[in-house]
Amino acid sequence: MPIRRLHTETRYSEAVIHSGTVYLSGQLADDLSGDIRQQTRETLASIDRLLAEVGTDKTRLLSALIHLRDIDGDYAGMNEVWDAWVPAGSAPARTTVRAEMYAPQVRVEITVVAALPDLSGPDL
């Protein structure tokens, strides 16, 4: 099976596709000056864009790993945005952890894995 990589940098690719599965690197907000809700909205919008680029969407999420700088202060606000974003009945397996970020203004980073649609037949 071939491996396809998109938006590849020296250390990572934004997306890697293999065997019907897409793996996204940790996504961040573009504007790091906002609160947790704004940063979560921007991060999820980035995930939406990348998933659309490879031909899938958030209804096909398999797993999510959420890193929060301040899990005590930001968990509720992040969940408020997350819950509004995830389609009913499509919640992925999810883990949320406290993490030291590469820069102090980064409040949230989200990594997801999603299935690509099976274009050869019905999606079961």
PDB file of N, CA and C in Angstrom:
ATOM      1  N   MET A   1       0.826  -1.177   0.000  1.00  0.00           N
ATOM      2  CA  MET A   1       0.000   0.000   0.000  1.00  0.00           C
ATOM      3  C   MET A   1       0.880   1.254   0.000  1.00  0.00           C
ATOM      4  N   PRO A   2       0.559   2.197  -0.859  1.00  0.00           N
ATOM      5  CA  PRO A   2       1.335   3.440  -0.877  1.00  0.00           C
ATOM      6  C   PRO A   2       1.020   4.305   0.345  1.00  0.00           C
ATOM      7  N   ILE A   3       1.960   5.152   0.682  1.00  0.00           N
ATOM      8  CA  ILE A   3       1.795   6.141   1.745  1.00  0.00           C
ATOM      9  C   ILE A   3       1.833   7.511   1.090  1.00  0.00           C
ATOM     10  N   ARG A   4       0.833   8.328   1.367  1.00  0.00           N
ATOM     11  CA  ARG A   4       0.770   9.682   0.814  1.00  0.00           C
ATOM     12  C   ARG A   4       0.943  10.683   1.947  1.00  0.00           C
ATOM     13  N   ARG A   5       1.807  11.668   1.744  1.00  0.00           N
ATOM     14  CA  ARG A   5       2.082  12.684   2.756  1.00  0.00           C
ATOM     15  C   ARG A   5       1.739  14.056   2.181  1.00  0.00           C
ATOM     16  N   LEU A   6       1.095  14.894   2.971  1.00  0.00           N
ATOM     17  CA  LEU A   6       0.726  16.241   2.542  1.00  0.00           C
ATOM     18  C   LEU A   6       1.352  17.287   3.449  1.00  0.00           C
ATOM     19  N   HIS A   7       1.738  18.387   2.822  1.00  0.00           N
ATOM     20  CA  HIS A   7       2.303  19.530   3.560  1.00  0.00           C
ATOM     21  C   HIS A   7       3.463  19.069   4.453  1.00  0.00           C
ATOM     22  N   THR A   8       4.421  18.433   3.838  1.00  0.00           N
ATOM     23  CA  THR A   8       5.558  17.861   4.565  1.00  0.00           C
ATOM     24  C   THR A   8       6.617  18.914   4.843  1.00  0.00           C
ATOM     25  N   GLU A   9       7.041  18.964   6.073  1.00  0.00           N
ATOM     26  CA  GLU A   9       8.135  19.824   6.536  1.00  0.00           C
ATOM     27  C   GLU A   9       9.311  18.912   6.893  1.00  0.00           C
ATOM     28  N   THR A  10      10.363  19.482   7.401  1.00  0.00           N
ATOM     29  CA  THR A  10      11.532  18.698   7.794  1.00  0.00           C
ATOM     30  C   THR A  10      11.182  17.668   8.862  1.00  0.00           C
ATOM     31  N   ARG A  11      10.378  18.057   9.866  1.00  0.00           N
ATOM     32  CA  ARG A  11      10.121  17.189  11.016  1.00  0.00           C
ATOM     33  C   ARG A  11       8.787  16.459  10.984  1.00  0.00           C
ATOM     34  N   TYR A  12       7.854  16.892  10.149  1.00  0.00           N
ATOM     35  CA  TYR A  12       6.525  16.274  10.174  1.00  0.00           C
ATOM     36  C   TYR A  12       5.777  16.560   8.880  1.00  0.00           C
ATOM     37  N   SER A  13       4.701  15.803   8.685  1.00  0.00           N
ATOM     38  CA  SER A  13       3.741  16.060   7.619  1.00  0.00           C
ATOM     39  C   SER A  13       2.430  16.444   8.287  1.00  0.00           C
ATOM     40  N   GLU A  14       1.701  17.382   7.704  1.00  0.00           N
ATOM     41  CA  GLU A  14       0.405  17.781   8.258  1.00  0.00           C
ATOM     42  C   GLU A  14      -0.582  16.621   8.205  1.00  0.00           C
ATOM     43  N   ALA A  15      -0.492  15.811   7.157  1.00  0.00           N
ATOM     44  CA  ALA A  15      -1.384  14.657   7.017  1.00  0.00           C
ATOM     45  C   ALA A  15      -0.621  13.510   6.368  1.00  0.00           C
ATOM     46  N   VAL A  16      -0.900  12.305   6.835  1.00  0.00           N
ATOM     47  CA  VAL A  16      -0.350  11.090   6.238  1.00  0.00           C
ATOM     48  C   VAL A  16      -1.535  10.155   5.997  1.00  0.00           C
ATOM     49  N   ILE A  17      -1.594   9.628   4.778  1.00  0.00           N
ATOM     50  CA  ILE A  17      -2.694   8.748   4.396  1.00  0.00           C
ATOM     51  C   ILE A  17      -2.123   7.379   4.058  1.00  0.00           C
ATOM     52  N   HIS A  18      -2.718   6.342   4.661  1.00  0.00           N
ATOM     53  CA  HIS A  18      -2.286   4.972   4.395  1.00  0.00           C
ATOM     54  C   HIS A  18      -3.459   4.035   4.626  1.00  0.00           C
ATOM     55  N   SER A  19      -3.693   3.175   3.690  1.00  0.00           N
ATOM     56  CA  SER A  19      -4.651   2.084   3.839  1.00  0.00           C
ATOM     57  C   SER A  19      -6.028   2.562   4.318  1.00  0.00           C
ATOM     58  N   GLY A  20      -6.527   3.639   3.713  1.00  0.00           N
ATOM     59  CA  GLY A  20      -7.859   4.114   4.042  1.00  0.00           C
ATOM     60  C   GLY A  20      -7.974   4.927   5.307  1.00  0.00           C
ATOM     61  N   THR A  21      -6.846   5.301   5.894  1.00  0.00           N
ATOM     62  CA  THR A  21      -6.845   6.057   7.139  1.00  0.00           C
ATOM     63  C   THR A  21      -5.998   7.309   6.965  1.00  0.00           C
ATOM     64  N   VAL A  22      -6.473   8.417   7.512  1.00  0.00           N
ATOM     65  CA  VAL A  22      -5.709   9.662   7.483  1.00  0.00           C
ATOM     66  C   VAL A  22      -5.316  10.029   8.913  1.00  0.00           C
ATOM     67  N   TYR A  23      -4.045  10.363   9.059  1.00  0.00           N
ATOM     68  CA  TYR A  23      -3.475  10.747  10.349  1.00  0.00           C
ATOM     69  C   TYR A  23      -3.082  12.219  10.245  1.00  0.00           C
ATOM     70  N   LEU A  24      -3.640  13.062  11.106  1.00  0.00           N
ATOM     71  CA  LEU A  24      -3.269  14.474  11.099  1.00  0.00           C
ATOM     72  C   LEU A  24      -2.288  14.745  12.227  1.00  0.00           C
ATOM     73  N   SER A  25      -1.326  15.609  11.930  1.00  0.00           N
ATOM     74  CA  SER A  25      -0.409  16.036  12.981  1.00  0.00           C
ATOM     75  C   SER A  25      -1.167  16.937  13.951  1.00  0.00           C
ATOM     76  N   GLY A  26      -0.555  17.235  15.077  1.00  0.00           N
ATOM     77  CA  GLY A  26      -1.189  18.112  16.052  1.00  0.00           C
ATOM     78  C   GLY A  26      -1.500  19.463  15.429  1.00  0.00           C
ATOM     79  N   GLN A  27      -2.752  19.875  15.507  1.00  0.00           N
ATOM     80  CA  GLN A  27      -3.193  21.141  14.932  1.00  0.00           C
ATOM     81  C   GLN A  27      -3.328  22.192  16.020  1.00  0.00           C
ATOM     82  N   LEU A  28      -3.014  23.428  15.633  1.00  0.00           N
ATOM     83  CA  LEU A  28      -3.063  24.570  16.553  1.00  0.00           C
ATOM     84  C   LEU A  28      -3.886  25.690  15.951  1.00  0.00           C
ATOM     85  N   ALA A  29      -4.246  26.657  16.768  1.00  0.00           N
ATOM     86  CA  ALA A  29      -4.884  27.877  16.284  1.00  0.00           C
ATOM     87  C   ALA A  29      -3.853  28.724  15.546  1.00  0.00           C
ATOM     88  N   ASP A  30      -4.318  29.508  14.588  1.00  0.00           N
ATOM     89  CA  ASP A  30      -3.429  30.456  13.914  1.00  0.00           C
ATOM     90  C   ASP A  30      -3.144  31.650  14.807  1.00  0.00           C
ATOM     91  N   ASP A  31      -4.171  32.119  15.516  1.00  0.00           N
ATOM     92  CA  ASP A  31      -4.040  33.267  16.419  1.00  0.00           C
ATOM     93  C   ASP A  31      -3.935  32.740  17.840  1.00  0.00           C
ATOM     94  N   LEU A  32      -2.750  32.827  18.392  1.00  0.00           N
ATOM     95  CA  LEU A  32      -2.499  32.269  19.730  1.00  0.00           C
ATOM     96  C   LEU A  32      -2.783  33.261  20.852  1.00  0.00           C
ATOM     97  N   SER A  33      -3.356  34.410  20.524  1.00  0.00           N
ATOM     98  CA  SER A  33      -3.644  35.411  21.558  1.00  0.00           C
ATOM     99  C   SER A  33      -5.018  35.202  22.187  1.00  0.00           C
ATOM    100  N   GLY A  34      -5.845  34.319  21.615  1.00  0.00           N
ATOM    101  CA  GLY A  34      -7.207  34.140  22.096  1.00  0.00           C
ATOM    102  C   GLY A  34      -7.322  33.204  23.284  1.00  0.00           C
ATOM    103  N   ASP A  35      -8.525  33.166  23.844  1.00  0.00           N
ATOM    104  CA  ASP A  35      -8.800  32.268  24.961  1.00  0.00           C
ATOM    105  C   ASP A  35      -8.971  30.838  24.454  1.00  0.00           C
ATOM    106  N   ILE A  36      -9.297  29.929  25.358  1.00  0.00           N
ATOM    107  CA  ILE A  36      -9.381  28.514  24.986  1.00  0.00           C
ATOM    108  C   ILE A  36     -10.489  28.268  23.967  1.00  0.00           C
ATOM    109  N   ARG A  37     -11.598  28.970  24.076  1.00  0.00           N
ATOM    110  CA  ARG A  37     -12.689  28.759  23.122  1.00  0.00           C
ATOM    111  C   ARG A  37     -12.272  29.175  21.712  1.00  0.00           C
ATOM    112  N   GLN A  38     -11.655  30.333  21.591  1.00  0.00           N
ATOM    113  CA  GLN A  38     -11.220  30.816  20.284  1.00  0.00           C
ATOM    114  C   GLN A  38     -10.149  29.897  19.711  1.00  0.00           C
ATOM    115  N   GLN A  39      -9.165  29.511  20.525  1.00  0.00           N
ATOM    116  CA  GLN A  39      -8.107  28.629  20.031  1.00  0.00           C
ATOM    117  C   GLN A  39      -8.669  27.260  19.642  1.00  0.00           C
ATOM    118  N   THR A  40      -9.634  26.749  20.395  1.00  0.00           N
ATOM    119  CA  THR A  40     -10.236  25.463  20.044  1.00  0.00           C
ATOM    120  C   THR A  40     -11.008  25.576  18.735  1.00  0.00           C
ATOM    121  N   ARG A  41     -11.787  26.642  18.561  1.00  0.00           N
ATOM    122  CA  ARG A  41     -12.534  26.839  17.303  1.00  0.00           C
ATOM    123  C   ARG A  41     -11.582  26.869  16.115  1.00  0.00           C
ATOM    124  N   GLU A  42     -10.489  27.624  16.220  1.00  0.00           N
ATOM    125  CA  GLU A  42      -9.522  27.711  15.114  1.00  0.00           C
ATOM    126  C   GLU A  42      -8.844  26.370  14.857  1.00  0.00           C
ATOM    127  N   THR A  43      -8.519  25.659  15.906  1.00  0.00           N
ATOM    128  CA  THR A  43      -7.876  24.355  15.758  1.00  0.00           C
ATOM    129  C   THR A  43      -8.807  23.378  15.053  1.00  0.00           C
ATOM    130  N   LEU A  44     -10.065  23.359  15.445  1.00  0.00           N
ATOM    131  CA  LEU A  44     -11.029  22.462  14.811  1.00  0.00           C
ATOM    132  C   LEU A  44     -11.293  22.869  13.366  1.00  0.00           C
ATOM    133  N   ALA A  45     -11.269  24.159  13.073  1.00  0.00           N
ATOM    134  CA  ALA A  45     -11.419  24.619  11.681  1.00  0.00           C
ATOM    135  C   ALA A  45     -10.249  24.127  10.836  1.00  0.00           C
ATOM    136  N   SER A  46      -9.051  24.126  11.403  1.00  0.00           N
ATOM    137  CA  SER A  46      -7.884  23.609  10.696  1.00  0.00           C
ATOM    138  C   SER A  46      -8.044  22.118  10.419  1.00  0.00           C
ATOM    139  N   ILE A  47      -8.550  21.387  11.393  1.00  0.00           N
ATOM    140  CA  ILE A  47      -8.809  19.954  11.205  1.00  0.00           C
ATOM    141  C   ILE A  47      -9.846  19.753  10.103  1.00  0.00           C
ATOM    142  N   ASP A  48     -10.913  20.541  10.118  1.00  0.00           N
ATOM    143  CA  ASP A  48     -11.933  20.448   9.062  1.00  0.00           C
ATOM    144  C   ASP A  48     -11.322  20.663   7.679  1.00  0.00           C
ATOM    145  N   ARG A  49     -10.463  21.674   7.541  1.00  0.00           N
ATOM    146  CA  ARG A  49      -9.839  21.972   6.245  1.00  0.00           C
ATOM    147  C   ARG A  49      -8.969  20.820   5.762  1.00  0.00           C
ATOM    148  N   LEU A  50      -8.143  20.280   6.638  1.00  0.00           N
ATOM    149  CA  LEU A  50      -7.265  19.182   6.240  1.00  0.00           C
ATOM    150  C   LEU A  50      -8.059  17.925   5.901  1.00  0.00           C
ATOM    151  N   LEU A  51      -9.073  17.621   6.686  1.00  0.00           N
ATOM    152  CA  LEU A  51      -9.891  16.446   6.387  1.00  0.00           C
ATOM    153  C   LEU A  51     -10.581  16.603   5.031  1.00  0.00           C
ATOM    154  N   ALA A  52     -11.110  17.793   4.753  1.00  0.00           N
ATOM    155  CA  ALA A  52     -11.750  18.039   3.449  1.00  0.00           C
ATOM    156  C   ALA A  52     -10.744  17.909   2.318  1.00  0.00           C
ATOM    157  N   GLU A  53      -9.531  18.386   2.540  1.00  0.00           N
ATOM    158  CA  GLU A  53      -8.498  18.313   1.504  1.00  0.00           C
ATOM    159  C   GLU A  53      -8.197  16.873   1.094  1.00  0.00           C
ATOM    160  N   VAL A  54      -8.273  15.949   2.039  1.00  0.00           N
ATOM    161  CA  VAL A  54      -7.969  14.553   1.724  1.00  0.00           C
ATOM    162  C   VAL A  54      -9.221  13.737   1.405  1.00  0.00           C
ATOM    163  N   GLY A  55     -10.398  14.368   1.444  1.00  0.00           N
ATOM    164  CA  GLY A  55     -11.614  13.689   1.020  1.00  0.00           C
ATOM    165  C   GLY A  55     -12.431  13.029   2.105  1.00  0.00           C
ATOM    166  N   THR A  56     -12.315  13.515   3.331  1.00  0.00           N
ATOM    167  CA  THR A  56     -13.126  12.961   4.418  1.00  0.00           C
ATOM    168  C   THR A  56     -13.626  14.109   5.281  1.00  0.00           C
ATOM    169  N   ASP A  57     -14.233  13.799   6.414  1.00  0.00           N
ATOM    170  CA  ASP A  57     -14.732  14.849   7.300  1.00  0.00           C
ATOM    171  C   ASP A  57     -14.834  14.339   8.734  1.00  0.00           C
ATOM    172  N   LYS A  58     -15.281  15.217   9.620  1.00  0.00           N
ATOM    173  CA  LYS A  58     -15.300  14.901  11.049  1.00  0.00           C
ATOM    174  C   LYS A  58     -16.283  13.792  11.425  1.00  0.00           C
ATOM    175  N   THR A  59     -17.222  13.452  10.552  1.00  0.00           N
ATOM    176  CA  THR A  59     -18.123  12.332  10.855  1.00  0.00           C
ATOM    177  C   THR A  59     -17.394  11.001  10.788  1.00  0.00           C
ATOM    178  N   ARG A  60     -16.171  10.997  10.252  1.00  0.00           N
ATOM    179  CA  ARG A  60     -15.405   9.764  10.079  1.00  0.00           C
ATOM    180  C   ARG A  60     -14.196   9.705  11.021  1.00  0.00           C
ATOM    181  N   LEU A  61     -14.208  10.550  12.071  1.00  0.00           N
ATOM    182  CA  LEU A  61     -13.119  10.519  13.052  1.00  0.00           C
ATOM    183  C   LEU A  61     -13.100   9.180  13.776  1.00  0.00           C
ATOM    184  N   LEU A  62     -11.901   8.655  13.954  1.00  0.00           N
ATOM    185  CA  LEU A  62     -11.712   7.419  14.706  1.00  0.00           C
ATOM    186  C   LEU A  62     -11.197   7.704  16.107  1.00  0.00           C
ATOM    187  N   SER A  63     -10.237   8.631  16.202  1.00  0.00           N
ATOM    188  CA  SER A  63      -9.668   8.961  17.510  1.00  0.00           C
ATOM    189  C   SER A  63      -9.196  10.405  17.526  1.00  0.00           C
ATOM    190  N   ALA A  64      -9.092  10.934  18.737  1.00  0.00           N
ATOM    191  CA  ALA A  64      -8.590  12.291  18.944  1.00  0.00           C
ATOM    192  C   ALA A  64      -7.736  12.299  20.211  1.00  0.00           C
ATOM    193  N   LEU A  65      -6.632  13.027  20.141  1.00  0.00           N
ATOM    194  CA  LEU A  65      -5.769  13.245  21.296  1.00  0.00           C
ATOM    195  C   LEU A  65      -5.680  14.749  21.487  1.00  0.00           C
ATOM    196  N   ILE A  66      -6.173  15.226  22.623  1.00  0.00           N
ATOM    197  CA  ILE A  66      -6.216  16.653  22.906  1.00  0.00           C
ATOM    198  C   ILE A  66      -5.204  16.966  24.005  1.00  0.00           C
ATOM    199  N   HIS A  67      -4.329  17.915  23.700  1.00  0.00           N
ATOM    200  CA  HIS A  67      -3.347  18.398  24.669  1.00  0.00           C
ATOM    201  C   HIS A  67      -3.801  19.762  25.149  1.00  0.00           C
ATOM    202  N   LEU A  68      -3.925  19.933  26.457  1.00  0.00           N
ATOM    203  CA  LEU A  68      -4.281  21.223  27.043  1.00  0.00           C
ATOM    204  C   LEU A  68      -3.156  21.697  27.943  1.00  0.00           C
ATOM    205  N   ARG A  69      -2.796  22.959  27.800  1.00  0.00           N
ATOM    206  CA  ARG A  69      -1.768  23.535  28.673  1.00  0.00           C
ATOM    207  C   ARG A  69      -2.273  23.611  30.106  1.00  0.00           C
ATOM    208  N   ASP A  70      -3.526  24.049  30.278  1.00  0.00           N
ATOM    209  CA  ASP A  70      -4.115  24.222  31.611  1.00  0.00           C
ATOM    210  C   ASP A  70      -5.400  23.406  31.669  1.00  0.00           C
ATOM    211  N   ILE A  71      -5.280  22.126  31.965  1.00  0.00           N
ATOM    212  CA  ILE A  71      -6.458  21.255  31.937  1.00  0.00           C
ATOM    213  C   ILE A  71      -7.477  21.671  32.984  1.00  0.00           C
ATOM    214  N   ASP A  72      -7.040  22.179  34.121  1.00  0.00           N
ATOM    215  CA  ASP A  72      -7.982  22.604  35.158  1.00  0.00           C
ATOM    216  C   ASP A  72      -8.775  23.831  34.720  1.00  0.00           C
ATOM    217  N   GLY A  73      -8.115  24.796  34.098  1.00  0.00           N
ATOM    218  CA  GLY A  73      -8.776  26.030  33.703  1.00  0.00           C
ATOM    219  C   GLY A  73      -9.438  25.995  32.338  1.00  0.00           C
ATOM    220  N   ASP A  74      -8.988  25.107  31.445  1.00  0.00           N
ATOM    221  CA  ASP A  74      -9.446  25.146  30.054  1.00  0.00           C
ATOM    222  C   ASP A  74     -10.310  23.963  29.623  1.00  0.00           C
ATOM    223  N   TYR A  75     -10.418  22.931  30.437  1.00  0.00           N
ATOM    224  CA  TYR A  75     -11.141  21.723  30.033  1.00  0.00           C
ATOM    225  C   TYR A  75     -12.603  22.021  29.687  1.00  0.00           C
ATOM    226  N   ALA A  76     -13.290  22.754  30.527  1.00  0.00           N
ATOM    227  CA  ALA A  76     -14.715  23.040  30.295  1.00  0.00           C
ATOM    228  C   ALA A  76     -14.907  23.882  29.034  1.00  0.00           C
ATOM    229  N   GLY A  77     -14.107  24.914  28.843  1.00  0.00           N
ATOM    230  CA  GLY A  77     -14.232  25.769  27.663  1.00  0.00           C
ATOM    231  C   GLY A  77     -13.917  25.029  26.379  1.00  0.00           C
ATOM    232  N   MET A  78     -12.890  24.201  26.407  1.00  0.00           N
ATOM    233  CA  MET A  78     -12.558  23.395  25.225  1.00  0.00           C
ATOM    234  C   MET A  78     -13.693  22.435  24.930  1.00  0.00           C
ATOM    235  N   ASN A  79     -14.239  21.773  25.948  1.00  0.00           N
ATOM    236  CA  ASN A  79     -15.334  20.825  25.743  1.00  0.00           C
ATOM    237  C   ASN A  79     -16.591  21.500  25.200  1.00  0.00           C
ATOM    238  N   GLU A  80     -16.844  22.724  25.612  1.00  0.00           N
ATOM    239  CA  GLU A  80     -18.003  23.456  25.099  1.00  0.00           C
ATOM    240  C   GLU A  80     -17.919  23.593  23.572  1.00  0.00           C
ATOM    241  N   VAL A  81     -16.754  23.966  23.079  1.00  0.00           N
ATOM    242  CA  VAL A  81     -16.553  24.122  21.633  1.00  0.00           C
ATOM    243  C   VAL A  81     -16.518  22.760  20.958  1.00  0.00           C
ATOM    244  N   TRP A  82     -15.801  21.813  21.542  1.00  0.00           N
ATOM    245  CA  TRP A  82     -15.697  20.454  20.984  1.00  0.00           C
ATOM    246  C   TRP A  82     -17.083  19.827  20.832  1.00  0.00           C
ATOM    247  N   ASP A  83     -17.903  19.904  21.892  1.00  0.00           N
ATOM    248  CA  ASP A  83     -19.217  19.274  21.868  1.00  0.00           C
ATOM    249  C   ASP A  83     -20.110  19.858  20.772  1.00  0.00           C
ATOM    250  N   ALA A  84     -19.992  21.155  20.517  1.00  0.00           N
ATOM    251  CA  ALA A  84     -20.774  21.792  19.453  1.00  0.00           C
ATOM    252  C   ALA A  84     -20.252  21.396  18.068  1.00  0.00           C
ATOM    253  N   TRP A  85     -18.980  21.043  17.979  1.00  0.00           N
ATOM    254  CA  TRP A  85     -18.334  20.714  16.697  1.00  0.00           C
ATOM    255  C   TRP A  85     -18.563  19.267  16.270  1.00  0.00           C
ATOM    256  N   VAL A  86     -18.522  18.330  17.209  1.00  0.00           N
ATOM    257  CA  VAL A  86     -18.639  16.905  16.871  1.00  0.00           C
ATOM    258  C   VAL A  86     -20.095  16.583  16.534  1.00  0.00           C
ATOM    259  N   PRO A  87     -20.343  16.022  15.350  1.00  0.00           N
ATOM    260  CA  PRO A  87     -21.716  15.661  14.984  1.00  0.00           C
ATOM    261  C   PRO A  87     -22.271  14.576  15.925  1.00  0.00           C
ATOM    262  N   ALA A  88     -23.550  14.671  16.240  1.00  0.00           N
ATOM    263  CA  ALA A  88     -24.197  13.685  17.105  1.00  0.00           C
ATOM    264  C   ALA A  88     -23.981  12.282  16.549  1.00  0.00           C
ATOM    265  N   GLY A  89     -23.586  11.377  17.415  1.00  0.00           N
ATOM    266  CA  GLY A  89     -23.364   9.998  17.023  1.00  0.00           C
ATOM    267  C   GLY A  89     -22.023   9.732  16.364  1.00  0.00           C
ATOM    268  N   SER A  90     -21.173  10.750  16.250  1.00  0.00           N
ATOM    269  CA  SER A  90     -19.881  10.590  15.566  1.00  0.00           C
ATOM    270  C   SER A  90     -18.677  10.858  16.471  1.00  0.00           C
ATOM    271  N   ALA A  91     -18.877  10.831  17.773  1.00  0.00           N
ATOM    272  CA  ALA A  91     -17.763  11.102  18.683  1.00  0.00           C
ATOM    273  C   ALA A  91     -16.680  10.029  18.537  1.00  0.00           C
ATOM    274  N   PRO A  92     -15.420  10.450  18.382  1.00  0.00           N
ATOM    275  CA  PRO A  92     -14.328   9.478  18.267  1.00  0.00           C
ATOM    276  C   PRO A  92     -13.887   8.989  19.645  1.00  0.00           C
ATOM    277  N   ALA A  93     -13.070   7.955  19.657  1.00  0.00           N
ATOM    278  CA  ALA A  93     -12.352   7.609  20.881  1.00  0.00           C
ATOM    279  C   ALA A  93     -11.473   8.818  21.181  1.00  0.00           C
ATOM    280  N   ARG A  94     -11.439   9.275  22.439  1.00  0.00           N
ATOM    281  CA  ARG A  94     -10.753  10.529  22.739  1.00  0.00           C
ATOM    282  C   ARG A  94      -9.996  10.451  24.055  1.00  0.00           C
ATOM    283  N   THR A  95      -8.839  11.091  24.052  1.00  0.00           N
ATOM    284  CA  THR A  95      -8.035  11.246  25.256  1.00  0.00           C
ATOM    285  C   THR A  95      -7.676  12.718  25.384  1.00  0.00           C
ATOM    286  N   THR A  96      -7.753  13.248  26.599  1.00  0.00           N
ATOM    287  CA  THR A  96      -7.355  14.627  26.851  1.00  0.00           C
ATOM    288  C   THR A  96      -6.318  14.610  27.966  1.00  0.00           C
ATOM    289  N   VAL A  97      -5.195  15.284  27.727  1.00  0.00           N
ATOM    290  CA  VAL A  97      -4.103  15.298  28.701  1.00  0.00           C
ATOM    291  C   VAL A  97      -3.588  16.717  28.912  1.00  0.00           C
ATOM    292  N   ARG A  98      -2.997  16.926  30.070  1.00  0.00           N
ATOM    293  CA  ARG A  98      -2.270  18.166  30.340  1.00  0.00           C
ATOM    294  C   ARG A  98      -0.905  18.026  29.676  1.00  0.00           C
ATOM    295  N   ALA A  99      -0.474  19.101  29.005  1.00  0.00           N
ATOM    296  CA  ALA A  99       0.806  19.033  28.297  1.00  0.00           C
ATOM    297  C   ALA A  99       1.518  20.371  28.358  1.00  0.00           C
ATOM    298  N   GLU A 100       2.829  20.288  28.439  1.00  0.00           N
ATOM    299  CA  GLU A 100       3.644  21.491  28.300  1.00  0.00           C
ATOM    300  C   GLU A 100       3.773  21.756  26.797  1.00  0.00           C
ATOM    301  N   MET A 101       3.400  22.950  26.386  1.00  0.00           N
ATOM    302  CA  MET A 101       3.404  23.286  24.970  1.00  0.00           C
ATOM    303  C   MET A 101       4.731  23.909  24.562  1.00  0.00           C
ATOM    304  N   TYR A 102       4.959  23.973  23.250  1.00  0.00           N
ATOM    305  CA  TYR A 102       6.216  24.510  22.739  1.00  0.00           C
ATOM    306  C   TYR A 102       6.342  26.019  22.973  1.00  0.00           C
ATOM    307  N   ALA A 103       5.197  26.692  23.162  1.00  0.00           N
ATOM    308  CA  ALA A 103       5.190  28.123  23.458  1.00  0.00           C
ATOM    309  C   ALA A 103       4.107  28.380  24.505  1.00  0.00           C
ATOM    310  N   PRO A 104       4.326  29.298  25.427  1.00  0.00           N
ATOM    311  CA  PRO A 104       3.378  29.495  26.531  1.00  0.00           C
ATOM    312  C   PRO A 104       1.985  29.982  26.093  1.00  0.00           C
ATOM    313  N   GLN A 105       1.862  30.613  24.948  1.00  0.00           N
ATOM    314  CA  GLN A 105       0.557  31.100  24.506  1.00  0.00           C
ATOM    315  C   GLN A 105      -0.305  30.012  23.860  1.00  0.00           C
ATOM    316  N   VAL A 106       0.268  28.850  23.549  1.00  0.00           N
ATOM    317  CA  VAL A 106      -0.499  27.741  22.982  1.00  0.00           C
ATOM    318  C   VAL A 106      -1.306  27.095  24.103  1.00  0.00           C
ATOM    319  N   ARG A 107      -2.630  27.105  23.960  1.00  0.00           N
ATOM    320  CA  ARG A 107      -3.510  26.554  24.988  1.00  0.00           C
ATOM    321  C   ARG A 107      -3.995  25.142  24.644  1.00  0.00           C
ATOM    322  N   VAL A 108      -4.089  24.823  23.325  1.00  0.00           N
ATOM    323  CA  VAL A 108      -4.642  23.533  22.911  1.00  0.00           C
ATOM    324  C   VAL A 108      -3.961  23.071  21.626  1.00  0.00           C
ATOM    325  N   GLU A 109      -3.730  21.779  21.537  1.00  0.00           N
ATOM    326  CA  GLU A 109      -3.235  21.128  20.327  1.00  0.00           C
ATOM    327  C   GLU A 109      -4.019  19.827  20.191  1.00  0.00           C
ATOM    328  N   ILE A 110      -4.513  19.562  18.973  1.00  0.00           N
ATOM    329  CA  ILE A 110      -5.367  18.381  18.763  1.00  0.00           C
ATOM    330  C   ILE A 110      -4.837  17.559  17.589  1.00  0.00           C
ATOM    331  N   THR A 111      -4.704  16.273  17.828  1.00  0.00           N
ATOM    332  CA  THR A 111      -4.301  15.301  16.817  1.00  0.00           C
ATOM    333  C   THR A 111      -5.485  14.368  16.576  1.00  0.00           C
ATOM    334  N   VAL A 112      -5.804  14.099  15.306  1.00  0.00           N
ATOM    335  CA  VAL A 112      -6.907  13.185  15.017  1.00  0.00           C
ATOM    336  C   VAL A 112      -6.500  12.145  13.988  1.00  0.00           C
ATOM    337  N   VAL A 113      -7.228  11.039  14.009  1.00  0.00           N
ATOM    338  CA  VAL A 113      -7.139   9.985  13.002  1.00  0.00           C
ATOM    339  C   VAL A 113      -8.553   9.802  12.467  1.00  0.00           C
ATOM    340  N   ALA A 114      -8.678   9.717  11.132  1.00  0.00           N
ATOM    341  CA  ALA A 114      -9.997   9.570  10.514  1.00  0.00           C
ATOM    342  C   ALA A 114      -9.947   8.527   9.404  1.00  0.00           C
ATOM    343  N   ALA A 115     -11.095   7.958   9.137  1.00  0.00           N
ATOM    344  CA  ALA A 115     -11.228   7.005   8.031  1.00  0.00           C
ATOM    345  C   ALA A 115     -11.577   7.762   6.761  1.00  0.00           C
ATOM    346  N   LEU A 116     -11.031   7.299   5.654  1.00  0.00           N
ATOM    347  CA  LEU A 116     -11.443   7.806   4.354  1.00  0.00           C
ATOM    348  C   LEU A 116     -12.676   7.039   3.916  1.00  0.00           C
ATOM    349  N   PRO A 117     -13.544   7.654   3.120  1.00  0.00           N
ATOM    350  CA  PRO A 117     -14.706   6.894   2.623  1.00  0.00           C
ATOM    351  C   PRO A 117     -14.254   5.777   1.695  1.00  0.00           C
ATOM    352  N   ASP A 118     -14.975   4.682   1.732  1.00  0.00           N
ATOM    353  CA  ASP A 118     -14.719   3.581   0.809  1.00  0.00           C
ATOM    354  C   ASP A 118     -15.490   3.891  -0.467  1.00  0.00           C
ATOM    355  N   LEU A 119     -14.776   4.296  -1.492  1.00  0.00           N
ATOM    356  CA  LEU A 119     -15.418   4.712  -2.727  1.00  0.00           C
ATOM    357  C   LEU A 119     -15.808   3.529  -3.602  1.00  0.00           C
ATOM    358  N   SER A 120     -15.489   2.320  -3.170  1.00  0.00           N
ATOM    359  CA  SER A 120     -15.792   1.156  -4.002  1.00  0.00           C
ATOM    360  C   SER A 120     -17.132   0.525  -3.669  1.00  0.00           C
ATOM    361  N   GLY A 121     -17.770   0.954  -2.585  1.00  0.00           N
ATOM    362  CA  GLY A 121     -19.036   0.344  -2.217  1.00  0.00           C
ATOM    363  C   GLY A 121     -19.676   1.051  -1.049  1.00  0.00           C
ATOM    364  N   PRO A 122     -20.735   0.486  -0.487  1.00  0.00           N
ATOM    365  CA  PRO A 122     -21.430   1.125   0.631  1.00  0.00           C
ATOM    366  C   PRO A 122     -20.535   1.226   1.856  1.00  0.00           C
ATOM    367  N   ASP A 123     -20.694   2.323   2.582  1.00  0.00           N
ATOM    368  CA  ASP A 123     -19.934   2.544   3.804  1.00  0.00           C
ATOM    369  C   ASP A 123     -20.655   1.856   4.959  1.00  0.00           C
ATOM    370  N   LEU A 124     -20.046   0.839   5.528  1.00  0.00           N
ATOM    371  CA  LEU A 124     -20.691   0.095   6.610  1.00  0.00           C
ATOM    372  C   LEU A 124     -20.267   0.596   7.950  1.00  0.00           C
TER     373      LEU A 124
END
